[in-house]
């Protein structure tokens, strides 16, 4: 296979129009572990609207980007994130809904805010709109750091293969993780190129941690409450103990120390996303991914 010329700081980025068939995927695609399954399912809840917002932010920033190479990277980022959102929406509609889980109780409010984003800004001054956009870009750069970290974990970990995680879901998450590593620098570079400050970058990062924690626990508990196989009351204690068991078995990474360690990495003034993860490792997986290999390029 011919590989593109690589530049770790500015990797070649292209979108792939992947498709996944969820008909044979079980509800508990991590075998015998509903807590781990539904905790990861929270990504499917957040990402369709989240990545739509990411795209809106970089589209708004695009007129200010004069560097042609960075503009091309932004266009590749937009293509990849658009496909990611569609793929995760497919999980919600074709897998969770098929098992009687109503994801809209968790996603409706966020979707409405994203849809009304431009309407909400109409009365803002140009100066305030621009400053708020910079904060959004700082937040998205922080979120992109964590998606790249999780992408690195899922590409390197072999436990899911050993325990028999559904192969379609495994490929979907590894494909997504690999593309997150591919474009891990783009939004950070846009923010820096547009004059973003370290103080705003750090503030947005802290806020991202709070909102990540806020989104995952309620989301996991609601999915477990709606899970038709779960008997008895779903409580915070039961879910937390289930999470700890999943971590001990290697079904999940231990998110708490990861969050702490990655905070130290990201908050270094000299940090650049190209310093973590490997573009080559991402491309190596994409070269064998069943979905990526049958994908048509997005034009």
Protein backbone atom coordinates (compact mmCIF):
# COMPACT_ATOMS: atom_id res chain seq x y z
CA UNK A 1 0.00 0.00 0.00
CA UNK A 2 1.35 3.46 -0.90
CA UNK A 3 1.57 5.59 2.22
CA UNK A 4 1.33 9.39 2.19
CA UNK A 5 4.38 11.43 3.05
CA UNK A 6 4.25 11.96 6.80
CA UNK A 7 4.88 15.04 8.85
CA UNK A 8 4.18 14.33 12.54
CA UNK A 9 3.38 17.96 13.26
CA UNK A 10 1.10 18.39 10.25
CA UNK A 11 -0.06 14.94 9.11
CA UNK A 12 -1.77 14.32 5.82
CA UNK A 13 -5.50 14.15 6.62
CA UNK A 14 -8.29 12.68 4.52
CA UNK A 15 -11.82 11.62 5.36
CA UNK A 16 -13.03 8.06 4.71
CA UNK A 17 -16.69 7.33 4.08
CA UNK A 18 -17.06 4.24 6.29
CA UNK A 19 -20.18 2.18 6.91
CA UNK A 20 -21.00 -0.22 9.75
CA UNK A 21 -23.69 -2.87 9.99
CA UNK A 22 -24.96 -3.23 13.58
CA UNK A 23 -27.48 -6.01 12.94
CA UNK A 24 -25.32 -8.74 14.51
CA UNK A 25 -23.85 -6.60 17.31
CA UNK A 26 -25.21 -7.56 20.76
CA UNK A 27 -26.46 -4.92 23.19
CA UNK A 28 -23.60 -5.78 25.58
CA UNK A 29 -20.87 -5.68 22.98
CA UNK A 30 -18.28 -5.97 25.78
CA UNK A 31 -19.26 -9.52 26.79
CA UNK A 32 -20.95 -9.86 30.19
CA UNK A 33 -20.15 -6.29 31.16
CA UNK A 34 -23.11 -3.91 30.82
CA UNK A 35 -21.45 -1.18 32.89
CA UNK A 36 -18.36 -1.02 30.67
CA UNK A 37 -20.50 -1.28 27.54
CA UNK A 38 -22.79 1.57 28.49
CA UNK A 39 -20.01 3.78 29.79
CA UNK A 40 -18.35 3.59 26.37
CA UNK A 41 -21.78 4.01 24.78
CA UNK A 42 -21.76 7.50 26.28
CA UNK A 43 -19.30 8.41 23.54
CA UNK A 44 -21.99 7.50 21.02
CA UNK A 45 -24.36 9.81 22.90
CA UNK A 46 -21.99 12.79 22.98
CA UNK A 47 -20.15 12.64 19.71
CA UNK A 48 -22.84 13.17 17.04
CA UNK A 49 -23.69 16.60 18.46
CA UNK A 50 -20.23 17.26 19.89
CA UNK A 51 -18.46 16.73 16.60
CA UNK A 52 -21.05 18.79 14.75
CA UNK A 53 -20.14 21.62 17.13
CA UNK A 54 -16.40 21.03 16.57
CA UNK A 55 -17.01 21.45 12.85
CA UNK A 56 -19.03 24.64 13.36
CA UNK A 57 -16.15 26.15 15.36
CA UNK A 58 -13.44 25.49 12.78
CA UNK A 59 -15.72 26.58 9.93
CA UNK A 60 -16.18 29.90 11.73
CA UNK A 61 -12.41 30.19 12.15
CA UNK A 62 -11.58 29.26 8.54
CA UNK A 63 -11.82 32.81 7.06
CA UNK A 64 -9.03 33.95 9.41
CA UNK A 65 -6.66 31.13 8.46
CA UNK A 66 -4.28 32.31 5.74
CA UNK A 67 -1.80 29.42 5.76
CA UNK A 68 -2.83 27.11 2.90
CA UNK A 69 -1.44 23.95 4.50
CA UNK A 70 -3.38 24.56 7.69
CA UNK A 71 -6.51 25.37 5.67
CA UNK A 72 -6.21 21.99 3.94
CA UNK A 73 -5.80 20.26 7.30
CA UNK A 74 -8.91 22.01 8.59
CA UNK A 75 -10.86 20.77 5.58
CA UNK A 76 -9.63 17.22 6.26
CA UNK A 77 -10.60 17.61 9.92
CA UNK A 78 -14.10 18.76 8.92
CA UNK A 79 -14.50 15.75 6.64
CA UNK A 80 -13.34 13.27 9.27
CA UNK A 81 -15.46 14.73 12.07
CA UNK A 82 -18.55 14.80 9.86
CA UNK A 83 -18.16 11.09 9.14
CA UNK A 84 -17.49 10.37 12.82
CA UNK A 85 -20.73 12.06 13.84
CA UNK A 86 -22.69 10.05 11.28
CA UNK A 87 -21.09 6.77 12.37
CA UNK A 88 -21.89 7.31 16.05
CA UNK A 89 -25.43 8.37 15.18
CA UNK A 90 -25.76 5.02 13.46
CA UNK A 91 -25.00 3.24 16.74
CA UNK A 92 -27.75 5.20 18.47
CA UNK A 93 -30.33 4.53 15.79
CA UNK A 94 -29.45 1.02 14.63
CA UNK A 95 -28.19 -0.58 17.85
CA UNK A 96 -29.54 1.15 20.96
CA UNK A 97 -32.97 1.90 19.51
CA UNK A 98 -33.23 -1.69 18.28
CA UNK A 99 -32.95 -2.79 21.93
CA UNK A 100 -35.58 -0.34 23.15
CA UNK A 101 -33.21 2.33 24.54
CA UNK A 102 -34.38 5.91 23.99
CA UNK A 103 -31.19 7.93 23.63
CA UNK A 104 -33.12 11.14 22.90
CA UNK A 105 -33.79 11.77 26.59
CA UNK A 106 -30.03 12.32 26.90
CA UNK A 107 -29.25 13.97 23.56
CA UNK A 108 -32.24 16.21 22.80
CA UNK A 109 -31.14 19.23 24.85
CA UNK A 110 -27.61 19.29 23.46
CA UNK A 111 -28.88 18.87 19.91
CA UNK A 112 -31.22 21.83 20.31
CA UNK A 113 -28.39 24.04 21.61
CA UNK A 114 -26.14 23.08 18.70
CA UNK A 115 -28.93 23.71 16.19
CA UNK A 116 -29.58 27.17 17.68
CA UNK A 117 -25.90 28.14 17.94
CA UNK A 118 -25.96 30.77 15.20
CA UNK A 119 -29.35 32.13 16.23
CA UNK A 120 -28.10 32.70 19.77
CA UNK A 121 -25.17 34.82 18.50
CA UNK A 122 -27.07 37.24 16.29
CA UNK A 123 -27.20 39.99 18.89
CA UNK A 124 -23.55 39.68 19.91
CA UNK A 125 -20.95 42.26 18.97
CA UNK A 126 -18.25 41.22 16.50
CA UNK A 127 -15.63 41.52 19.23
CA UNK A 128 -17.54 39.30 21.67
CA UNK A 129 -18.33 36.72 18.96
CA UNK A 130 -14.66 36.51 18.10
CA UNK A 131 -13.56 36.16 21.73
CA UNK A 132 -16.17 33.50 22.40
CA UNK A 133 -15.06 31.62 19.28
CA UNK A 134 -11.51 31.59 20.64
CA UNK A 135 -12.80 30.05 23.87
CA UNK A 136 -14.72 27.44 21.87
CA UNK A 137 -11.57 26.58 19.91
CA UNK A 138 -9.62 26.25 23.18
CA UNK A 139 -12.29 23.90 24.51
CA UNK A 140 -12.35 21.82 21.33
CA UNK A 141 -8.54 21.57 21.38
CA UNK A 142 -8.78 20.18 24.93
CA UNK A 143 -11.47 17.68 23.92
CA UNK A 144 -9.36 16.63 20.94
CA UNK A 145 -6.49 15.90 23.30
CA UNK A 146 -8.58 13.37 25.20
CA UNK A 147 -10.04 11.75 22.10
CA UNK A 148 -6.47 11.26 20.84
CA UNK A 149 -5.41 9.81 24.21
CA UNK A 150 -8.31 7.35 24.10
CA UNK A 151 -7.52 6.61 20.47
CA UNK A 152 -3.97 5.70 21.45
CA UNK A 153 -5.28 3.42 24.24
CA UNK A 154 -7.71 1.53 22.04
CA UNK A 155 -5.10 1.02 19.32
CA UNK A 156 -2.53 -0.32 21.78
CA UNK A 157 -4.72 -2.39 24.13
CA UNK A 158 -5.32 -6.07 23.28
CA UNK A 159 -7.70 -7.00 26.12
CA UNK A 160 -10.84 -6.34 24.07
CA UNK A 161 -9.66 -8.75 21.39
CA UNK A 162 -8.90 -11.40 24.02
CA UNK A 163 -12.31 -11.21 25.71
CA UNK A 164 -14.24 -11.22 22.43
CA UNK A 165 -15.54 -7.67 22.06
CA UNK A 166 -17.85 -7.40 19.06
CA UNK A 167 -15.51 -7.04 16.05
CA UNK A 168 -17.64 -4.41 14.28
CA UNK A 169 -17.67 -2.16 17.33
CA UNK A 170 -13.96 -2.75 17.90
CA UNK A 171 -13.16 -1.75 14.33
CA UNK A 172 -15.42 1.29 14.56
CA UNK A 173 -13.76 2.56 17.73
CA UNK A 174 -10.24 1.83 16.48
CA UNK A 175 -10.95 3.52 13.13
CA UNK A 176 -12.24 6.56 14.98
CA UNK A 177 -9.30 6.52 17.41
CA UNK A 178 -6.80 6.31 14.56
CA UNK A 179 -8.33 9.30 12.80
CA UNK A 180 -8.33 11.25 16.07
CA UNK A 181 -4.58 10.67 16.25
CA UNK A 182 -4.23 11.71 12.61
CA UNK A 183 -5.84 15.11 13.18
CA UNK A 184 -4.87 15.63 16.83
CA UNK A 185 -2.94 18.84 16.10
CA UNK A 186 -5.38 20.65 13.84
CA UNK A 187 -7.63 22.58 16.25
CA UNK A 188 -4.72 23.30 18.59
CA UNK A 189 -2.82 24.80 15.65
CA UNK A 190 -5.84 26.86 14.59
CA UNK A 191 -6.17 28.22 18.12
CA UNK A 192 -2.47 29.08 18.31
CA UNK A 193 -2.40 30.59 14.82
CA UNK A 194 -5.34 32.86 15.65
CA UNK A 195 -3.52 34.21 18.70
CA UNK A 196 -5.03 32.13 21.50
CA UNK A 197 -3.53 32.67 24.95
CA UNK A 198 -2.19 30.05 27.35
CA UNK A 199 -4.52 31.31 30.10
CA UNK A 200 -7.62 30.70 27.98
CA UNK A 201 -6.28 27.31 26.85
CA UNK A 202 -5.80 26.23 30.47
CA UNK A 203 -9.19 27.54 31.59
CA UNK A 204 -10.99 25.74 28.76
CA UNK A 205 -9.14 22.54 29.61
CA UNK A 206 -10.32 22.60 33.23
CA UNK A 207 -13.89 23.24 32.08
CA UNK A 208 -13.65 20.31 29.67
CA UNK A 209 -12.73 17.98 32.54
CA UNK A 210 -15.78 19.06 34.54
CA UNK A 211 -18.15 18.59 31.61
CA UNK A 212 -16.66 15.22 30.66
CA UNK A 213 -17.29 13.93 34.18
CA UNK A 214 -20.77 15.48 34.18
CA UNK A 215 -21.68 13.77 30.93
CA UNK A 216 -20.43 10.27 31.55
CA UNK A 217 -21.89 9.26 34.91
CA UNK A 218 -25.50 10.40 34.37
CA UNK A 219 -25.38 9.02 30.84
CA UNK A 220 -24.13 5.62 31.97
CA UNK A 221 -26.75 5.38 34.69
CA UNK A 222 -29.59 6.32 32.33
CA UNK A 223 -28.51 3.75 29.75
CA UNK A 224 -28.35 1.08 32.46
CA UNK A 225 -31.82 2.06 33.72
CA UNK A 226 -33.22 1.58 30.22
CA UNK A 227 -31.28 -1.64 29.57
CA UNK A 228 -33.96 -4.37 29.35
CA UNK A 229 -31.59 -7.00 30.79
CA UNK A 230 -30.83 -5.11 34.02
CA UNK A 231 -32.91 -6.12 37.02
CA UNK A 232 -33.22 -4.05 40.18
CA UNK A 233 -32.54 -0.42 40.91
CA UNK A 234 -29.57 1.25 39.25
CA UNK A 235 -27.66 3.25 41.87
CA UNK A 236 -24.47 5.33 41.77
CA UNK A 237 -22.79 2.84 44.13
CA UNK A 238 -23.61 -0.16 41.95
CA UNK A 239 -22.41 1.59 38.83
CA UNK A 240 -19.19 2.76 40.49
CA UNK A 241 -18.43 -0.74 41.81
CA UNK A 242 -19.16 -2.13 38.36
CA UNK A 243 -16.78 0.40 36.86
CA UNK A 244 -14.02 -0.63 39.28
CA UNK A 245 -14.54 -4.31 38.39
CA UNK A 246 -14.32 -3.44 34.70
CA UNK A 247 -11.05 -1.58 35.26
CA UNK A 248 -9.58 -4.51 37.23
CA UNK A 249 -10.47 -6.89 34.41
CA UNK A 250 -8.95 -4.54 31.83
CA UNK A 251 -12.29 -3.93 30.11
CA UNK A 252 -11.83 -0.19 30.63
CA UNK A 253 -8.87 2.09 31.24
CA UNK A 254 -8.70 3.68 34.67
CA UNK A 255 -9.94 7.11 33.66
CA UNK A 256 -9.06 8.96 36.87
CA UNK A 257 -5.25 8.58 36.74
CA UNK A 258 -5.39 9.13 32.97
CA UNK A 259 -7.18 12.45 33.48
CA UNK A 260 -4.61 13.52 36.08
CA UNK A 261 -1.60 12.46 34.01
CA UNK A 262 -2.90 14.04 30.82
CA UNK A 263 -3.68 17.27 32.64
CA UNK A 264 0.01 17.58 33.44
CA UNK A 265 0.89 16.92 29.80
CA UNK A 266 -1.61 19.30 28.25
CA UNK A 267 -1.01 22.15 30.68
CA UNK A 268 2.69 22.41 29.90
CA UNK A 269 3.27 25.73 28.16
CA UNK A 270 5.47 23.97 25.60
CA UNK A 271 2.92 21.25 24.83
CA UNK A 272 2.01 20.45 21.24
CA UNK A 273 -0.29 17.54 20.29
CA UNK A 274 2.29 16.13 17.90
CA UNK A 275 4.30 15.14 21.00
CA UNK A 276 1.80 12.40 21.94
CA UNK A 277 0.67 9.40 19.94
CA UNK A 278 1.99 8.22 16.60
CA UNK A 279 0.60 9.10 13.21
CA UNK A 280 2.33 6.04 11.77
CA UNK A 281 0.61 3.73 14.28
CA UNK A 282 -2.73 5.26 13.29
CA UNK A 283 -2.05 4.76 9.58
CA UNK A 284 -0.90 1.19 10.24
CA UNK A 285 -4.29 0.39 11.73
CA UNK A 286 -6.21 2.21 9.00
CA UNK A 287 -4.30 0.08 6.47
CA UNK A 288 -5.93 -3.07 7.91
CA UNK A 289 -9.26 -1.73 9.24
CA UNK A 290 -12.13 -3.56 7.48
CA UNK A 291 -14.26 -0.41 7.40
CA UNK A 292 -11.47 1.92 6.29
CA UNK A 293 -10.33 -0.44 3.55
CA UNK A 294 -13.78 -0.53 1.95
CA UNK A 295 -14.45 3.17 2.47
CA UNK A 296 -14.87 5.63 -0.35
CA UNK A 297 -13.04 8.96 0.02
CA UNK A 298 -15.20 11.89 1.07
CA UNK A 299 -15.18 14.56 -1.61
